[in-house]
């Protein structure tokens, strides 16, 4: 069914981390995140940590329903 099941991130925490400490933090309400303001502070060895909080799925009837998210944390190294 082509109109069923598009998933969307509705909220997530995005953290610029250095070692065990956060440098910057933002709460995002979309999959599109602009990190340009943080770029001058990036150093090799830092990382971006993304914790997905809320996800929805569009049903074939055009309604969004909440999807259970279980400990969705992703880390991206900055080189």
PDB file of N, CA and C in Angstrom:
ATOM      1  N   UNK A   1       0.845  -1.176   0.000  1.00  0.00           N
ATOM      2  CA  UNK A   1       0.000   0.000   0.000  1.00  0.00           C
ATOM      3  C   UNK A   1       0.892   1.241   0.000  1.00  0.00           C
ATOM      4  N   UNK A   2       0.938   1.951  -1.084  1.00  0.00           N
ATOM      5  CA  UNK A   2       1.875   3.073  -1.204  1.00  0.00           C
ATOM      6  C   UNK A   2       1.605   4.238  -0.269  1.00  0.00           C
ATOM      7  N   UNK A   3       0.378   4.413   0.196  1.00  0.00           N
ATOM      8  CA  UNK A   3       0.085   5.545   1.077  1.00  0.00           C
ATOM      9  C   UNK A   3       0.204   5.176   2.546  1.00  0.00           C
ATOM     10  N   UNK A   4       0.523   3.931   2.831  1.00  0.00           N
ATOM     11  CA  UNK A   4       0.600   3.478   4.211  1.00  0.00           C
ATOM     12  C   UNK A   4       2.031   3.547   4.728  1.00  0.00           C
ATOM     13  N   UNK A   5       2.178   3.923   5.962  1.00  0.00           N
ATOM     14  CA  UNK A   5       3.391   3.784   6.756  1.00  0.00           C
ATOM     15  C   UNK A   5       4.541   4.736   6.490  1.00  0.00           C
ATOM     16  N   UNK A   6       4.363   5.960   6.001  1.00  0.00           N
ATOM     17  CA  UNK A   6       5.506   6.880   6.050  1.00  0.00           C
ATOM     18  C   UNK A   6       5.750   7.282   7.515  1.00  0.00           C
ATOM     19  N   UNK A   7       6.966   7.091   7.971  1.00  0.00           N
ATOM     20  CA  UNK A   7       7.321   7.415   9.350  1.00  0.00           C
ATOM     21  C   UNK A   7       7.949   8.803   9.407  1.00  0.00           C
ATOM     22  N   UNK A   8       7.702   9.524  10.509  1.00  0.00           N
ATOM     23  CA  UNK A   8       8.257  10.868  10.703  1.00  0.00           C
ATOM     24  C   UNK A   8       8.730  11.014  12.134  1.00  0.00           C
ATOM     25  N   UNK A   9       9.896  11.624  12.297  1.00  0.00           N
ATOM     26  CA  UNK A   9      10.363  11.979  13.640  1.00  0.00           C
ATOM     27  C   UNK A   9       9.635  13.258  14.032  1.00  0.00           C
ATOM     28  N   UNK A  10       8.995  13.244  15.168  1.00  0.00           N
ATOM     29  CA  UNK A  10       8.261  14.413  15.650  1.00  0.00           C
ATOM     30  C   UNK A  10       9.007  15.160  16.746  1.00  0.00           C
ATOM     31  N   UNK A  11       9.876  14.460  17.481  1.00  0.00           N
ATOM     32  CA  UNK A  11      10.710  15.154  18.462  1.00  0.00           C
ATOM     33  C   UNK A  11      11.956  14.327  18.747  1.00  0.00           C
ATOM     34  N   UNK A  12      13.063  15.069  18.942  1.00  0.00           N
ATOM     35  CA  UNK A  12      14.324  14.427  19.277  1.00  0.00           C
ATOM     36  C   UNK A  12      15.226  15.430  19.969  1.00  0.00           C
ATOM     37  N   UNK A  13      16.157  14.906  20.723  1.00  0.00           N
ATOM     38  CA  UNK A  13      17.176  15.703  21.390  1.00  0.00           C
ATOM     39  C   UNK A  13      18.464  15.537  20.591  1.00  0.00           C
ATOM     40  N   UNK A  14      19.102  16.641  20.242  1.00  0.00           N
ATOM     41  CA  UNK A  14      20.358  16.612  19.490  1.00  0.00           C
ATOM     42  C   UNK A  14      21.423  17.260  20.376  1.00  0.00           C
ATOM     43  N   UNK A  15      22.514  16.525  20.598  1.00  0.00           N
ATOM     44  CA  UNK A  15      23.548  16.985  21.518  1.00  0.00           C
ATOM     45  C   UNK A  15      24.900  16.952  20.819  1.00  0.00           C
ATOM     46  N   UNK A  16      25.631  18.053  20.910  1.00  0.00           N
ATOM     47  CA  UNK A  16      27.037  18.103  20.485  1.00  0.00           C
ATOM     48  C   UNK A  16      27.820  17.773  21.748  1.00  0.00           C
ATOM     49  N   UNK A  17      28.528  16.650  21.737  1.00  0.00           N
ATOM     50  CA  UNK A  17      29.220  16.185  22.943  1.00  0.00           C
ATOM     51  C   UNK A  17      30.724  16.137  22.721  1.00  0.00           C
ATOM     52  N   UNK A  18      31.440  16.428  23.788  1.00  0.00           N
ATOM     53  CA  UNK A  18      32.909  16.326  23.806  1.00  0.00           C
ATOM     54  C   UNK A  18      33.246  15.512  25.044  1.00  0.00           C
ATOM     55  N   UNK A  19      33.815  14.328  24.831  1.00  0.00           N
ATOM     56  CA  UNK A  19      34.039  13.427  25.958  1.00  0.00           C
ATOM     57  C   UNK A  19      32.694  13.025  26.541  1.00  0.00           C
ATOM     58  N   UNK A  20      32.549  13.177  27.840  1.00  0.00           N
ATOM     59  CA  UNK A  20      31.288  12.846  28.503  1.00  0.00           C
ATOM     60  C   UNK A  20      30.386  14.068  28.710  1.00  0.00           C
ATOM     61  N   UNK A  21      30.831  15.230  28.226  1.00  0.00           N
ATOM     62  CA  UNK A  21      30.103  16.472  28.498  1.00  0.00           C
ATOM     63  C   UNK A  21      29.396  17.013  27.257  1.00  0.00           C
ATOM     64  N   UNK A  22      28.170  17.509  27.438  1.00  0.00           N
ATOM     65  CA  UNK A  22      27.495  18.176  26.323  1.00  0.00           C
ATOM     66  C   UNK A  22      28.079  19.577  26.116  1.00  0.00           C
ATOM     67  N   UNK A  23      28.270  19.955  24.861  1.00  0.00           N
ATOM     68  CA  UNK A  23      28.740  21.293  24.511  1.00  0.00           C
ATOM     69  C   UNK A  23      27.544  22.145  24.103  1.00  0.00           C
ATOM     70  N   UNK A  24      26.676  21.585  23.273  1.00  0.00           N
ATOM     71  CA  UNK A  24      25.444  22.239  22.826  1.00  0.00           C
ATOM     72  C   UNK A  24      24.317  21.226  22.881  1.00  0.00           C
ATOM     73  N   UNK A  25      23.107  21.736  23.005  1.00  0.00           N
ATOM     74  CA  UNK A  25      21.924  20.867  23.067  1.00  0.00           C
ATOM     75  C   UNK A  25      20.766  21.576  22.397  1.00  0.00           C
ATOM     76  N   UNK A  26      19.967  20.801  21.660  1.00  0.00           N
ATOM     77  CA  UNK A  26      18.773  21.377  21.037  1.00  0.00           C
ATOM     78  C   UNK A  26      17.655  20.340  21.017  1.00  0.00           C
ATOM     79  N   UNK A  27      16.446  20.824  21.186  1.00  0.00           N
ATOM     80  CA  UNK A  27      15.257  19.988  21.035  1.00  0.00           C
ATOM     81  C   UNK A  27      14.699  20.271  19.649  1.00  0.00           C
ATOM     82  N   UNK A  28      14.598  19.248  18.806  1.00  0.00           N
ATOM     83  CA  UNK A  28      14.111  19.409  17.443  1.00  0.00           C
ATOM     84  C   UNK A  28      12.743  18.748  17.298  1.00  0.00           C
ATOM     85  N   UNK A  29      11.898  19.338  16.474  1.00  0.00           N
ATOM     86  CA  UNK A  29      10.556  18.802  16.244  1.00  0.00           C
ATOM     87  C   UNK A  29      10.361  18.377  14.789  1.00  0.00           C
ATOM     88  N   UNK A  30      11.463  18.054  14.136  1.00  0.00           N
ATOM     89  CA  UNK A  30      11.448  17.630  12.737  1.00  0.00           C
ATOM     90  C   UNK A  30      12.705  16.825  12.462  1.00  0.00           C
ATOM     91  N   UNK A  31      12.714  16.092  11.342  1.00  0.00           N
ATOM     92  CA  UNK A  31      13.920  15.358  10.957  1.00  0.00           C
ATOM     93  C   UNK A  31      14.999  16.288  10.441  1.00  0.00           C
ATOM     94  N   UNK A  32      14.635  17.490  10.074  1.00  0.00           N
ATOM     95  CA  UNK A  32      15.575  18.452   9.504  1.00  0.00           C
ATOM     96  C   UNK A  32      16.159  19.301  10.632  1.00  0.00           C
ATOM     97  N   UNK A  33      17.479  19.205  10.810  1.00  0.00           N
ATOM     98  CA  UNK A  33      18.153  19.914  11.891  1.00  0.00           C
ATOM     99  C   UNK A  33      19.302  20.729  11.292  1.00  0.00           C
ATOM    100  N   UNK A  34      19.382  21.998  11.645  1.00  0.00           N
ATOM    101  CA  UNK A  34      20.438  22.879  11.153  1.00  0.00           C
ATOM    102  C   UNK A  34      21.513  23.016  12.233  1.00  0.00           C
ATOM    103  N   UNK A  35      22.686  22.445  11.974  1.00  0.00           N
ATOM    104  CA  UNK A  35      23.794  22.483  12.930  1.00  0.00           C
ATOM    105  C   UNK A  35      24.840  23.524  12.554  1.00  0.00           C
ATOM    106  N   UNK A  36      24.552  24.384  11.601  1.00  0.00           N
ATOM    107  CA  UNK A  36      25.540  25.373  11.144  1.00  0.00           C
ATOM    108  C   UNK A  36      26.051  26.273  12.264  1.00  0.00           C
ATOM    109  N   UNK A  37      25.224  26.635  13.209  1.00  0.00           N
ATOM    110  CA  UNK A  37      25.660  27.506  14.308  1.00  0.00           C
ATOM    111  C   UNK A  37      26.692  26.803  15.197  1.00  0.00           C
ATOM    112  N   UNK A  38      26.671  25.488  15.224  1.00  0.00           N
ATOM    113  CA  UNK A  38      27.596  24.727  16.058  1.00  0.00           C
ATOM    114  C   UNK A  38      28.924  24.443  15.360  1.00  0.00           C
ATOM    115  N   UNK A  39      28.976  24.503  14.046  1.00  0.00           N
ATOM    116  CA  UNK A  39      30.149  24.082  13.267  1.00  0.00           C
ATOM    117  C   UNK A  39      31.460  24.705  13.722  1.00  0.00           C
ATOM    118  N   UNK A  40      31.521  26.000  14.051  1.00  0.00           N
ATOM    119  CA  UNK A  40      32.814  26.565  14.478  1.00  0.00           C
ATOM    120  C   UNK A  40      33.358  25.936  15.769  1.00  0.00           C
ATOM    121  N   UNK A  41      32.496  25.318  16.548  1.00  0.00           N
ATOM    122  CA  UNK A  41      32.914  24.724  17.820  1.00  0.00           C
ATOM    123  C   UNK A  41      33.331  23.256  17.693  1.00  0.00           C
ATOM    124  N   UNK A  42      33.059  22.631  16.547  1.00  0.00           N
ATOM    125  CA  UNK A  42      33.392  21.221  16.365  1.00  0.00           C
ATOM    126  C   UNK A  42      34.897  21.006  16.399  1.00  0.00           C
ATOM    127  N   UNK A  43      35.319  19.935  17.093  1.00  0.00           N
ATOM    128  CA  UNK A  43      36.719  19.530  17.146  1.00  0.00           C
ATOM    129  C   UNK A  43      36.785  18.035  16.835  1.00  0.00           C
ATOM    130  N   UNK A  44      37.892  17.578  16.246  1.00  0.00           N
ATOM    131  CA  UNK A  44      38.024  16.134  16.022  1.00  0.00           C
ATOM    132  C   UNK A  44      37.837  15.377  17.337  1.00  0.00           C
ATOM    133  N   UNK A  45      37.086  14.300  17.282  1.00  0.00           N
ATOM    134  CA  UNK A  45      36.795  13.516  18.485  1.00  0.00           C
ATOM    135  C   UNK A  45      35.457  13.856  19.108  1.00  0.00           C
ATOM    136  N   UNK A  46      34.867  15.006  18.765  1.00  0.00           N
ATOM    137  CA  UNK A  46      33.521  15.334  19.232  1.00  0.00           C
ATOM    138  C   UNK A  46      32.533  14.406  18.535  1.00  0.00           C
ATOM    139  N   UNK A  47      31.307  14.447  18.975  1.00  0.00           N
ATOM    140  CA  UNK A  47      30.265  13.648  18.326  1.00  0.00           C
ATOM    141  C   UNK A  47      28.918  14.339  18.451  1.00  0.00           C
ATOM    142  N   UNK A  48      28.031  13.981  17.564  1.00  0.00           N
ATOM    143  CA  UNK A  48      26.639  14.418  17.623  1.00  0.00           C
ATOM    144  C   UNK A  48      25.839  13.216  18.102  1.00  0.00           C
ATOM    145  N   UNK A  49      25.103  13.395  19.177  1.00  0.00           N
ATOM    146  CA  UNK A  49      24.280  12.339  19.743  1.00  0.00           C
ATOM    147  C   UNK A  49      22.824  12.720  19.488  1.00  0.00           C
ATOM    148  N   UNK A  50      22.078  11.793  18.916  1.00  0.00           N
ATOM    149  CA  UNK A  50      20.672  12.032  18.582  1.00  0.00           C
ATOM    150  C   UNK A  50      19.830  11.026  19.339  1.00  0.00           C
ATOM    151  N   UNK A  51      18.935  11.547  20.173  1.00  0.00           N
ATOM    152  CA  UNK A  51      18.015  10.685  20.921  1.00  0.00           C
ATOM    153  C   UNK A  51      16.609  10.941  20.397  1.00  0.00           C
ATOM    154  N   UNK A  52      16.064   9.945  19.724  1.00  0.00           N
ATOM    155  CA  UNK A  52      14.729  10.068  19.148  1.00  0.00           C
ATOM    156  C   UNK A  52      13.705   9.846  20.250  1.00  0.00           C
ATOM    157  N   UNK A  53      12.797  10.801  20.393  1.00  0.00           N
ATOM    158  CA  UNK A  53      11.793  10.756  21.464  1.00  0.00           C
ATOM    159  C   UNK A  53      10.419  10.321  20.950  1.00  0.00           C
ATOM    160  N   UNK A  54       9.949  10.938  19.847  1.00  0.00           N
ATOM    161  CA  UNK A  54       8.603  10.686  19.348  1.00  0.00           C
ATOM    162  C   UNK A  54       8.635  10.451  17.841  1.00  0.00           C
ATOM    163  N   UNK A  55       7.959   9.389  17.407  1.00  0.00           N
ATOM    164  CA  UNK A  55       7.837   9.056  15.990  1.00  0.00           C
ATOM    165  C   UNK A  55       6.365   8.806  15.696  1.00  0.00           C
ATOM    166  N   UNK A  56       5.919   9.265  14.521  1.00  0.00           N
ATOM    167  CA  UNK A  56       4.557   8.958  14.087  1.00  0.00           C
ATOM    168  C   UNK A  56       4.607   8.234  12.757  1.00  0.00           C
ATOM    169  N   UNK A  57       3.526   7.567  12.453  1.00  0.00           N
ATOM    170  CA  UNK A  57       3.372   6.836  11.203  1.00  0.00           C
ATOM    171  C   UNK A  57       2.048   7.257  10.595  1.00  0.00           C
ATOM    172  N   UNK A  58       2.067   7.564   9.304  1.00  0.00           N
ATOM    173  CA  UNK A  58       0.848   7.961   8.597  1.00  0.00           C
ATOM    174  C   UNK A  58       0.127   6.700   8.147  1.00  0.00           C
ATOM    175  N   UNK A  59      -1.150   6.576   8.502  1.00  0.00           N
ATOM    176  CA  UNK A  59      -1.934   5.412   8.097  1.00  0.00           C
ATOM    177  C   UNK A  59      -2.477   5.616   6.688  1.00  0.00           C
ATOM    178  N   UNK A  60      -3.009   4.577   6.120  1.00  0.00           N
ATOM    179  CA  UNK A  60      -3.594   4.675   4.779  1.00  0.00           C
ATOM    180  C   UNK A  60      -4.800   5.606   4.759  1.00  0.00           C
ATOM    181  N   UNK A  61      -5.358   5.890   5.938  1.00  0.00           N
ATOM    182  CA  UNK A  61      -6.494   6.805   6.033  1.00  0.00           C
ATOM    183  C   UNK A  61      -6.044   8.260   6.184  1.00  0.00           C
ATOM    184  N   UNK A  62      -4.718   8.490   6.177  1.00  0.00           N
ATOM    185  CA  UNK A  62      -4.196   9.840   6.273  1.00  0.00           C
ATOM    186  C   UNK A  62      -4.060  10.376   7.684  1.00  0.00           C
ATOM    187  N   UNK A  63      -4.156   9.520   8.673  1.00  0.00           N
ATOM    188  CA  UNK A  63      -4.037   9.949  10.060  1.00  0.00           C
ATOM    189  C   UNK A  63      -2.668   9.551  10.610  1.00  0.00           C
ATOM    190  N   UNK A  64      -2.135  10.392  11.500  1.00  0.00           N
ATOM    191  CA  UNK A  64      -0.869  10.074  12.160  1.00  0.00           C
ATOM    192  C   UNK A  64      -1.155   9.289  13.427  1.00  0.00           C
ATOM    193  N   UNK A  65      -0.400   8.231  13.623  1.00  0.00           N
ATOM    194  CA  UNK A  65      -0.502   7.503  14.889  1.00  0.00           C
ATOM    195  C   UNK A  65       0.887   7.394  15.487  1.00  0.00           C
ATOM    196  N   UNK A  66       0.952   7.495  16.799  1.00  0.00           N
ATOM    197  CA  UNK A  66       2.223   7.457  17.507  1.00  0.00           C
ATOM    198  C   UNK A  66       2.799   6.044  17.452  1.00  0.00           C
ATOM    199  N   UNK A  67       4.106   5.968  17.266  1.00  0.00           N
ATOM    200  CA  UNK A  67       4.828   4.694  17.210  1.00  0.00           C
ATOM    201  C   UNK A  67       5.679   4.588  18.462  1.00  0.00           C
ATOM    202  N   UNK A  68       5.685   3.426  19.075  1.00  0.00           N
ATOM    203  CA  UNK A  68       6.513   3.197  20.268  1.00  0.00           C
ATOM    204  C   UNK A  68       7.984   3.208  19.870  1.00  0.00           C
ATOM    205  N   UNK A  69       8.784   4.016  20.551  1.00  0.00           N
ATOM    206  CA  UNK A  69      10.216   4.109  20.294  1.00  0.00           C
ATOM    207  C   UNK A  69      10.939   3.556  21.506  1.00  0.00           C
ATOM    208  N   UNK A  70      11.855   2.624  21.272  1.00  0.00           N
ATOM    209  CA  UNK A  70      12.568   1.987  22.376  1.00  0.00           C
ATOM    210  C   UNK A  70      14.038   2.353  22.339  1.00  0.00           C
ATOM    211  N   UNK A  71      14.437   3.277  23.182  1.00  0.00           N
ATOM    212  CA  UNK A  71      15.843   3.617  23.384  1.00  0.00           C
ATOM    213  C   UNK A  71      16.586   3.871  22.080  1.00  0.00           C
ATOM    214  N   UNK A  72      16.078   4.771  21.288  1.00  0.00           N
ATOM    215  CA  UNK A  72      16.687   5.106  19.989  1.00  0.00           C
ATOM    216  C   UNK A  72      17.711   6.226  20.168  1.00  0.00           C
ATOM    217  N   UNK A  73      18.966   5.862  20.345  1.00  0.00           N
ATOM    218  CA  UNK A  73      20.049   6.820  20.472  1.00  0.00           C
ATOM    219  C   UNK A  73      21.096   6.501  19.408  1.00  0.00           C
ATOM    220  N   UNK A  74      21.480   7.522  18.639  1.00  0.00           N
ATOM    221  CA  UNK A  74      22.473   7.349  17.578  1.00  0.00           C
ATOM    222  C   UNK A  74      23.596   8.356  17.810  1.00  0.00           C
ATOM    223  N   UNK A  75      24.797   7.958  17.492  1.00  0.00           N
ATOM    224  CA  UNK A  75      25.956   8.820  17.673  1.00  0.00           C
ATOM    225  C   UNK A  75      26.719   8.904  16.361  1.00  0.00           C
ATOM    226  N   UNK A  76      27.124  10.131  15.990  1.00  0.00           N
ATOM    227  CA  UNK A  76      27.883  10.367  14.774  1.00  0.00           C
ATOM    228  C   UNK A  76      29.180  11.075  15.172  1.00  0.00           C
ATOM    229  N   UNK A  77      30.311  10.458  14.833  1.00  0.00           N
ATOM    230  CA  UNK A  77      31.609  11.049  15.167  1.00  0.00           C
ATOM    231  C   UNK A  77      31.939  12.216  14.237  1.00  0.00           C
ATOM    232  N   UNK A  78      32.567  13.241  14.795  1.00  0.00           N
ATOM    233  CA  UNK A  78      33.041  14.383  14.019  1.00  0.00           C
ATOM    234  C   UNK A  78      34.536  14.172  13.816  1.00  0.00           C
ATOM    235  N   UNK A  79      34.972  14.231  12.568  1.00  0.00           N
ATOM    236  CA  UNK A  79      36.394  13.982  12.270  1.00  0.00           C
ATOM    237  C   UNK A  79      37.107  15.253  11.935  1.00  0.00           C
TER     238      UNK A  79
END
